[in-house]
Amino acid sequence: VTEAKPRVFKKDYGDLDCDDKTRYVDVALATSAA
């Protein structure tokens, strides 16, 4: 919401290095905050 754009949480691989240190609980809350 704060940047007005879709966000996809991913398991890091290849050149992705953003989300591996994120808690499962936090990702679950972010995807389900209807």
ModelCIF file with pLDDT and N, C-alpha, C, O atoms, coordinates in Angstrom:
data_MODEL
#
_entry.id   MODEL 
#
_entity.id                         1 
_entity.type                       polymer 
_entity.pdbx_number_of_molecules   1 
#
_entity_poly.entity_id                      1 
_entity_poly.type                           'polypeptide(L)' 
_entity_poly.nstd_linkage                   no 
_entity_poly.nstd_monomer                   no 
_entity_poly.pdbx_seq_one_letter_code       VTEAKPRVFKKDYGDLDCDDKTRYVDVALATSAA 
_entity_poly.pdbx_seq_one_letter_code_can   VTEAKPRVFKKDYGDLDCDDKTRYVDVALATSAA 
_entity_poly.pdbx_strand_id                 A 
#
loop_
_entity_poly_seq.entity_id 
_entity_poly_seq.num 
_entity_poly_seq.mon_id 
_entity_poly_seq.hetero 
1 1  VAL n 
1 2  THR n 
1 3  GLU n 
1 4  ALA n 
1 5  LYS n 
1 6  PRO n 
1 7  ARG n 
1 8  VAL n 
1 9  PHE n 
1 10 LYS n 
1 11 LYS n 
1 12 ASP n 
1 13 TYR n 
1 14 GLY n 
1 15 ASP n 
1 16 LEU n 
1 17 ASP n 
1 18 CYS n 
1 19 ASP n 
1 20 ASP n 
1 21 LYS n 
1 22 THR n 
1 23 ARG n 
1 24 TYR n 
1 25 VAL n 
1 26 ASP n 
1 27 VAL n 
1 28 ALA n 
1 29 LEU n 
1 30 ALA n 
1 31 THR n 
1 32 SER n 
1 33 ALA n 
1 34 ALA n 
#
_struct_asym.id          A 
_struct_asym.entity_id   1 
#
loop_
_ma_qa_metric.id 
_ma_qa_metric.mode 
_ma_qa_metric.name 
_ma_qa_metric.software_group_id 
_ma_qa_metric.type 
1 global pLDDT . pLDDT 
2 local  pLDDT . pLDDT 
#
_ma_qa_metric_global.metric_id      1 
_ma_qa_metric_global.metric_value   95.50 
_ma_qa_metric_global.model_id       1 
_ma_qa_metric_global.ordinal_id     1 
#
loop_
_ma_qa_metric_local.label_asym_id 
_ma_qa_metric_local.label_comp_id 
_ma_qa_metric_local.label_seq_id 
_ma_qa_metric_local.metric_id 
_ma_qa_metric_local.metric_value 
_ma_qa_metric_local.model_id 
_ma_qa_metric_local.ordinal_id 
A VAL 1  2 95.00 1 1  
A THR 2  2 92.00 1 2  
A GLU 3  2 95.00 1 3  
A ALA 4  2 94.00 1 4  
A LYS 5  2 96.00 1 5  
A PRO 6  2 96.00 1 6  
A ARG 7  2 97.00 1 7  
A VAL 8  2 98.00 1 8  
A PHE 9  2 98.00 1 9  
A LYS 10 2 98.00 1 10 
A LYS 11 2 97.00 1 11 
A ASP 12 2 96.00 1 12 
A TYR 13 2 94.00 1 13 
A GLY 14 2 89.00 1 14 
A ASP 15 2 88.00 1 15 
A LEU 16 2 90.00 1 16 
A ASP 17 2 91.00 1 17 
A CYS 18 2 94.00 1 18 
A ASP 19 2 97.00 1 19 
A ASP 20 2 97.00 1 20 
A LYS 21 2 97.00 1 21 
A THR 22 2 98.00 1 22 
A ARG 23 2 98.00 1 23 
A TYR 24 2 98.00 1 24 
A VAL 25 2 98.00 1 25 
A ASP 26 2 98.00 1 26 
A VAL 27 2 98.00 1 27 
A ALA 28 2 98.00 1 28 
A LEU 29 2 97.00 1 29 
A ALA 30 2 98.00 1 30 
A THR 31 2 98.00 1 31 
A SER 32 2 95.00 1 32 
A ALA 33 2 94.00 1 33 
A ALA 34 2 90.00 1 34 
#
loop_
_atom_site.group_PDB 
_atom_site.id 
_atom_site.type_symbol 
_atom_site.label_atom_id 
_atom_site.label_alt_id 
_atom_site.label_comp_id 
_atom_site.label_asym_id 
_atom_site.label_entity_id 
_atom_site.label_seq_id 
_atom_site.pdbx_PDB_ins_code 
_atom_site.Cartn_x 
_atom_site.Cartn_y 
_atom_site.Cartn_z 
_atom_site.occupancy 
_atom_site.B_iso_or_equiv 
_atom_site.pdbx_formal_charge 
_atom_site.auth_seq_id 
_atom_site.auth_comp_id 
_atom_site.auth_asym_id 
_atom_site.auth_atom_id 
_atom_site.pdbx_PDB_model_num 
ATOM 1   N N  . VAL A 1 1  ? 0.826  -1.212  0.000  1.00 95.00 ? 1  VAL A N  1 
ATOM 2   C CA . VAL A 1 1  ? 0.000  0.000   0.000  1.00 95.00 ? 1  VAL A CA 1 
ATOM 3   C C  . VAL A 1 1  ? 0.854  1.252   0.000  1.00 95.00 ? 1  VAL A C  1 
ATOM 4   O O  . VAL A 1 1  ? 0.536  2.215   -0.697 1.00 95.00 ? 1  VAL A O  1 
ATOM 5   N N  . THR A 1 2  ? 1.930  1.256   0.767  1.00 92.00 ? 2  THR A N  1 
ATOM 6   C CA . THR A 1 2  ? 2.738  2.459   0.913  1.00 92.00 ? 2  THR A CA 1 
ATOM 7   C C  . THR A 1 2  ? 3.476  2.849   -0.366 1.00 92.00 ? 2  THR A C  1 
ATOM 8   O O  . THR A 1 2  ? 3.942  3.982   -0.485 1.00 92.00 ? 2  THR A O  1 
ATOM 9   N N  . GLU A 1 3  ? 3.588  1.936   -1.315 1.00 95.00 ? 3  GLU A N  1 
ATOM 10  C CA . GLU A 1 3  ? 4.189  2.269   -2.606 1.00 95.00 ? 3  GLU A CA 1 
ATOM 11  C C  . GLU A 1 3  ? 3.220  2.041   -3.762 1.00 95.00 ? 3  GLU A C  1 
ATOM 12  O O  . GLU A 1 3  ? 3.576  2.222   -4.926 1.00 95.00 ? 3  GLU A O  1 
ATOM 13  N N  . ALA A 1 4  ? 1.985  1.638   -3.428 1.00 94.00 ? 4  ALA A N  1 
ATOM 14  C CA . ALA A 1 4  ? 0.922  1.463   -4.428 1.00 94.00 ? 4  ALA A CA 1 
ATOM 15  C C  . ALA A 1 4  ? 1.336  0.543   -5.569 1.00 94.00 ? 4  ALA A C  1 
ATOM 16  O O  . ALA A 1 4  ? 1.246  0.900   -6.744 1.00 94.00 ? 4  ALA A O  1 
ATOM 17  N N  . LYS A 1 5  ? 1.799  -0.669  -5.187 1.00 96.00 ? 5  LYS A N  1 
ATOM 18  C CA . LYS A 1 5  ? 2.191  -1.610  -6.232 1.00 96.00 ? 5  LYS A CA 1 
ATOM 19  C C  . LYS A 1 5  ? 2.107  -3.046  -5.701 1.00 96.00 ? 5  LYS A C  1 
ATOM 20  O O  . LYS A 1 5  ? 2.220  -3.276  -4.498 1.00 96.00 ? 5  LYS A O  1 
ATOM 21  N N  . PRO A 1 6  ? 1.909  -3.996  -6.599 1.00 96.00 ? 6  PRO A N  1 
ATOM 22  C CA . PRO A 1 6  ? 1.916  -5.397  -6.177 1.00 96.00 ? 6  PRO A CA 1 
ATOM 23  C C  . PRO A 1 6  ? 3.270  -5.781  -5.603 1.00 96.00 ? 6  PRO A C  1 
ATOM 24  O O  . PRO A 1 6  ? 4.308  -5.241  -5.987 1.00 96.00 ? 6  PRO A O  1 
ATOM 25  N N  . ARG A 1 7  ? 3.233  -6.723  -4.677 1.00 97.00 ? 7  ARG A N  1 
ATOM 26  C CA . ARG A 1 7  ? 4.478  -7.245  -4.085 1.00 97.00 ? 7  ARG A CA 1 
ATOM 27  C C  . ARG A 1 7  ? 4.344  -8.758  -3.969 1.00 97.00 ? 7  ARG A C  1 
ATOM 28  O O  . ARG A 1 7  ? 3.375  -9.257  -3.398 1.00 97.00 ? 7  ARG A O  1 
ATOM 29  N N  . VAL A 1 8  ? 5.307  -9.479  -4.507 1.00 98.00 ? 8  VAL A N  1 
ATOM 30  C CA . VAL A 1 8  ? 5.304  -10.939 -4.442 1.00 98.00 ? 8  VAL A CA 1 
ATOM 31  C C  . VAL A 1 8  ? 6.472  -11.383 -3.570 1.00 98.00 ? 8  VAL A C  1 
ATOM 32  O O  . VAL A 1 8  ? 7.627  -11.085 -3.873 1.00 98.00 ? 8  VAL A O  1 
ATOM 33  N N  . PHE A 1 9  ? 6.171  -12.091 -2.490 1.00 98.00 ? 9  PHE A N  1 
ATOM 34  C CA . PHE A 1 9  ? 7.213  -12.639 -1.635 1.00 98.00 ? 9  PHE A CA 1 
ATOM 35  C C  . PHE A 1 9  ? 7.698  -13.951 -2.245 1.00 98.00 ? 9  PHE A C  1 
ATOM 36  O O  . PHE A 1 9  ? 6.901  -14.801 -2.640 1.00 98.00 ? 9  PHE A O  1 
ATOM 37  N N  . LYS A 1 10 ? 9.045  -14.100 -2.316 1.00 98.00 ? 10 LYS A N  1 
ATOM 38  C CA . LYS A 1 10 ? 9.619  -15.252 -3.004 1.00 98.00 ? 10 LYS A CA 1 
ATOM 39  C C  . LYS A 1 10 ? 10.745 -15.870 -2.182 1.00 98.00 ? 10 LYS A C  1 
ATOM 40  O O  . LYS A 1 10 ? 11.440 -15.193 -1.425 1.00 98.00 ? 10 LYS A O  1 
ATOM 41  N N  . LYS A 1 11 ? 10.897 -17.165 -2.359 1.00 97.00 ? 11 LYS A N  1 
ATOM 42  C CA . LYS A 1 11 ? 12.108 -17.820 -1.873 1.00 97.00 ? 11 LYS A CA 1 
ATOM 43  C C  . LYS A 1 11 ? 13.261 -17.320 -2.725 1.00 97.00 ? 11 LYS A C  1 
ATOM 44  O O  . LYS A 1 11 ? 13.183 -17.357 -3.953 1.00 97.00 ? 11 LYS A O  1 
ATOM 45  N N  . ASP A 1 12 ? 14.338 -16.850 -2.086 1.00 96.00 ? 12 ASP A N  1 
ATOM 46  C CA . ASP A 1 12 ? 15.465 -16.322 -2.844 1.00 96.00 ? 12 ASP A CA 1 
ATOM 47  C C  . ASP A 1 12 ? 16.091 -17.399 -3.724 1.00 96.00 ? 12 ASP A C  1 
ATOM 48  O O  . ASP A 1 12 ? 16.304 -18.530 -3.285 1.00 96.00 ? 12 ASP A O  1 
ATOM 49  N N  . TYR A 1 13 ? 16.379 -17.036 -4.963 1.00 94.00 ? 13 TYR A N  1 
ATOM 50  C CA . TYR A 1 13 ? 17.106 -17.913 -5.882 1.00 94.00 ? 13 TYR A CA 1 
ATOM 51  C C  . TYR A 1 13 ? 17.635 -17.058 -7.015 1.00 94.00 ? 13 TYR A C  1 
ATOM 52  O O  . TYR A 1 13 ? 17.125 -15.967 -7.270 1.00 94.00 ? 13 TYR A O  1 
ATOM 53  N N  . GLY A 1 14 ? 18.658 -17.556 -7.695 1.00 89.00 ? 14 GLY A N  1 
ATOM 54  C CA . GLY A 1 14 ? 19.235 -16.766 -8.779 1.00 89.00 ? 14 GLY A CA 1 
ATOM 55  C C  . GLY A 1 14 ? 19.717 -15.425 -8.261 1.00 89.00 ? 14 GLY A C  1 
ATOM 56  O O  . GLY A 1 14 ? 20.525 -15.362 -7.335 1.00 89.00 ? 14 GLY A O  1 
ATOM 57  N N  . ASP A 1 15 ? 19.217 -14.344 -8.865 1.00 88.00 ? 15 ASP A N  1 
ATOM 58  C CA . ASP A 1 15 ? 19.628 -13.007 -8.436 1.00 88.00 ? 15 ASP A CA 1 
ATOM 59  C C  . ASP A 1 15 ? 18.668 -12.397 -7.413 1.00 88.00 ? 15 ASP A C  1 
ATOM 60  O O  . ASP A 1 15 ? 18.779 -11.214 -7.093 1.00 88.00 ? 15 ASP A O  1 
ATOM 61  N N  . LEU A 1 16 ? 17.720 -13.198 -6.893 1.00 90.00 ? 16 LEU A N  1 
ATOM 62  C CA . LEU A 1 16 ? 16.793 -12.704 -5.879 1.00 90.00 ? 16 LEU A CA 1 
ATOM 63  C C  . LEU A 1 16 ? 17.408 -12.857 -4.497 1.00 90.00 ? 16 LEU A C  1 
ATOM 64  O O  . LEU A 1 16 ? 17.903 -13.929 -4.152 1.00 90.00 ? 16 LEU A O  1 
ATOM 65  N N  . ASP A 1 17 ? 17.379 -11.795 -3.708 1.00 91.00 ? 17 ASP A N  1 
ATOM 66  C CA . ASP A 1 17 ? 17.953 -11.869 -2.365 1.00 91.00 ? 17 ASP A CA 1 
ATOM 67  C C  . ASP A 1 17 ? 17.190 -10.970 -1.375 1.00 91.00 ? 17 ASP A C  1 
ATOM 68  O O  . ASP A 1 17 ? 17.791 -10.340 -0.506 1.00 91.00 ? 17 ASP A O  1 
ATOM 69  N N  . CYS A 1 18 ? 15.851 -10.924 -1.524 1.00 94.00 ? 18 CYS A N  1 
ATOM 70  C CA . CYS A 1 18 ? 15.055 -9.979  -0.740 1.00 94.00 ? 18 CYS A CA 1 
ATOM 71  C C  . CYS A 1 18 ? 14.342 -10.583 0.465  1.00 94.00 ? 18 CYS A C  1 
ATOM 72  O O  . CYS A 1 18 ? 14.175 -9.911  1.483  1.00 94.00 ? 18 CYS A O  1 
ATOM 73  N N  . ASP A 1 19 ? 13.921 -11.839 0.361  1.00 97.00 ? 19 ASP A N  1 
ATOM 74  C CA . ASP A 1 19 ? 12.916 -12.329 1.306  1.00 97.00 ? 19 ASP A CA 1 
ATOM 75  C C  . ASP A 1 19 ? 13.334 -13.503 2.187  1.00 97.00 ? 19 ASP A C  1 
ATOM 76  O O  . ASP A 1 19 ? 12.566 -13.896 3.066  1.00 97.00 ? 19 ASP A O  1 
ATOM 77  N N  . ASP A 1 20 ? 14.506 -14.071 1.989  1.00 97.00 ? 20 ASP A N  1 
ATOM 78  C CA . ASP A 1 20 ? 14.871 -15.270 2.739  1.00 97.00 ? 20 ASP A CA 1 
ATOM 79  C C  . ASP A 1 20 ? 14.903 -15.055 4.251  1.00 97.00 ? 20 ASP A C  1 
ATOM 80  O O  . ASP A 1 20 ? 14.716 -16.005 5.011  1.00 97.00 ? 20 ASP A O  1 
ATOM 81  N N  . LYS A 1 21 ? 15.136 -13.832 4.694  1.00 97.00 ? 21 LYS A N  1 
ATOM 82  C CA . LYS A 1 21 ? 15.216 -13.551 6.127  1.00 97.00 ? 21 LYS A CA 1 
ATOM 83  C C  . LYS A 1 21 ? 13.883 -13.068 6.712  1.00 97.00 ? 21 LYS A C  1 
ATOM 84  O O  . LYS A 1 21 ? 13.815 -12.654 7.869  1.00 97.00 ? 21 LYS A O  1 
ATOM 85  N N  . THR A 1 22 ? 12.835 -13.129 5.901  1.00 98.00 ? 22 THR A N  1 
ATOM 86  C CA . THR A 1 22 ? 11.502 -12.725 6.346  1.00 98.00 ? 22 THR A CA 1 
ATOM 87  C C  . THR A 1 22 ? 10.796 -13.890 7.020  1.00 98.00 ? 22 THR A C  1 
ATOM 88  O O  . THR A 1 22 ? 10.887 -15.024 6.551  1.00 98.00 ? 22 THR A O  1 
ATOM 89  N N  . ARG A 1 23 ? 10.102 -13.627 8.100  1.00 98.00 ? 23 ARG A N  1 
ATOM 90  C CA . ARG A 1 23 ? 9.400  -14.688 8.824  1.00 98.00 ? 23 ARG A CA 1 
ATOM 91  C C  . ARG A 1 23 ? 8.175  -15.155 8.047  1.00 98.00 ? 23 ARG A C  1 
ATOM 92  O O  . ARG A 1 23 ? 7.489  -14.364 7.399  1.00 98.00 ? 23 ARG A O  1 
ATOM 93  N N  . TYR A 1 24 ? 7.920  -16.443 8.126  1.00 98.00 ? 24 TYR A N  1 
ATOM 94  C CA . TYR A 1 24 ? 6.707  -17.003 7.534  1.00 98.00 ? 24 TYR A CA 1 
ATOM 95  C C  . TYR A 1 24 ? 5.468  -16.283 8.056  1.00 98.00 ? 24 TYR A C  1 
ATOM 96  O O  . TYR A 1 24 ? 4.550  -15.989 7.290  1.00 98.00 ? 24 TYR A O  1 
ATOM 97  N N  . VAL A 1 25 ? 5.440  -16.002 9.342  1.00 98.00 ? 25 VAL A N  1 
ATOM 98  C CA . VAL A 1 25 ? 4.276  -15.344 9.948  1.00 98.00 ? 25 VAL A CA 1 
ATOM 99  C C  . VAL A 1 25 ? 4.020  -13.991 9.289  1.00 98.00 ? 25 VAL A C  1 
ATOM 100 O O  . VAL A 1 25 ? 2.871  -13.643 9.017  1.00 98.00 ? 25 VAL A O  1 
ATOM 101 N N  . ASP A 1 26 ? 5.069  -13.236 9.033  1.00 98.00 ? 26 ASP A N  1 
ATOM 102 C CA . ASP A 1 26 ? 4.901  -11.908 8.445  1.00 98.00 ? 26 ASP A CA 1 
ATOM 103 C C  . ASP A 1 26 ? 4.392  -11.982 7.010  1.00 98.00 ? 26 ASP A C  1 
ATOM 104 O O  . ASP A 1 26 ? 3.540  -11.190 6.610  1.00 98.00 ? 26 ASP A O  1 
ATOM 105 N N  . VAL A 1 27 ? 4.912  -12.932 6.234  1.00 98.00 ? 27 VAL A N  1 
ATOM 106 C CA . VAL A 1 27 ? 4.427  -13.097 4.860  1.00 98.00 ? 27 VAL A CA 1 
ATOM 107 C C  . VAL A 1 27 ? 2.963  -13.531 4.869  1.00 98.00 ? 27 VAL A C  1 
ATOM 108 O O  . VAL A 1 27 ? 2.164  -13.058 4.060  1.00 98.00 ? 27 VAL A O  1 
ATOM 109 N N  . ALA A 1 28 ? 2.618  -14.430 5.785  1.00 98.00 ? 28 ALA A N  1 
ATOM 110 C CA . ALA A 1 28 ? 1.224  -14.893 5.888  1.00 98.00 ? 28 ALA A CA 1 
ATOM 111 C C  . ALA A 1 28 ? 0.286  -13.747 6.217  1.00 98.00 ? 28 ALA A C  1 
ATOM 112 O O  . ALA A 1 28 ? -0.808 -13.662 5.659  1.00 98.00 ? 28 ALA A O  1 
ATOM 113 N N  . LEU A 1 29 ? 0.699  -12.869 7.114  1.00 97.00 ? 29 LEU A N  1 
ATOM 114 C CA . LEU A 1 29 ? -0.131 -11.709 7.465  1.00 97.00 ? 29 LEU A CA 1 
ATOM 115 C C  . LEU A 1 29 ? -0.257 -10.750 6.285  1.00 97.00 ? 29 LEU A C  1 
ATOM 116 O O  . LEU A 1 29 ? -1.330 -10.198 6.041  1.00 97.00 ? 29 LEU A O  1 
ATOM 117 N N  . ALA A 1 30 ? 0.833  -10.556 5.561  1.00 98.00 ? 30 ALA A N  1 
ATOM 118 C CA . ALA A 1 30 ? 0.821  -9.607  4.445  1.00 98.00 ? 30 ALA A CA 1 
ATOM 119 C C  . ALA A 1 30 ? -0.075 -10.067 3.306  1.00 98.00 ? 30 ALA A C  1 
ATOM 120 O O  . ALA A 1 30 ? -0.742 -9.246  2.676  1.00 98.00 ? 30 ALA A O  1 
ATOM 121 N N  . THR A 1 31 ? -0.101 -11.356 3.035  1.00 98.00 ? 31 THR A N  1 
ATOM 122 C CA . THR A 1 31 ? -0.911 -11.841 1.910  1.00 98.00 ? 31 THR A CA 1 
ATOM 123 C C  . THR A 1 31 ? -2.383 -11.973 2.269  1.00 98.00 ? 31 THR A C  1 
ATOM 124 O O  . THR A 1 31 ? -3.222 -12.062 1.373  1.00 98.00 ? 31 THR A O  1 
ATOM 125 N N  . SER A 1 32 ? -2.724 -11.987 3.572  1.00 95.00 ? 32 SER A N  1 
ATOM 126 C CA . SER A 1 32 ? -4.111 -12.265 3.982  1.00 95.00 ? 32 SER A CA 1 
ATOM 127 C C  . SER A 1 32 ? -4.817 -11.101 4.667  1.00 95.00 ? 32 SER A C  1 
ATOM 128 O O  . SER A 1 32 ? -5.891 -11.280 5.241  1.00 95.00 ? 32 SER A O  1 
ATOM 129 N N  . ALA A 1 33 ? -4.224 -9.906  4.611  1.00 94.00 ? 33 ALA A N  1 
ATOM 130 C CA . ALA A 1 33 ? -4.824 -8.740  5.267  1.00 94.00 ? 33 ALA A CA 1 
ATOM 131 C C  . ALA A 1 33 ? -5.920 -8.147  4.379  1.00 94.00 ? 33 ALA A C  1 
ATOM 132 O O  . ALA A 1 33 ? -5.737 -7.095  3.766  1.00 94.00 ? 33 ALA A O  1 
ATOM 133 N N  . ALA A 1 34 ? -7.053 -8.834  4.322  1.00 90.00 ? 34 ALA A N  1 
ATOM 134 C CA . ALA A 1 34 ? -8.155 -8.424  3.437  1.00 90.00 ? 34 ALA A CA 1 
ATOM 135 C C  . ALA A 1 34 ? -8.728 -7.072  3.856  1.00 90.00 ? 34 ALA A C  1 
ATOM 136 O O  . ALA A 1 34 ? -9.660 -6.574  3.224  1.00 90.00 ? 34 ALA A O  1 
#
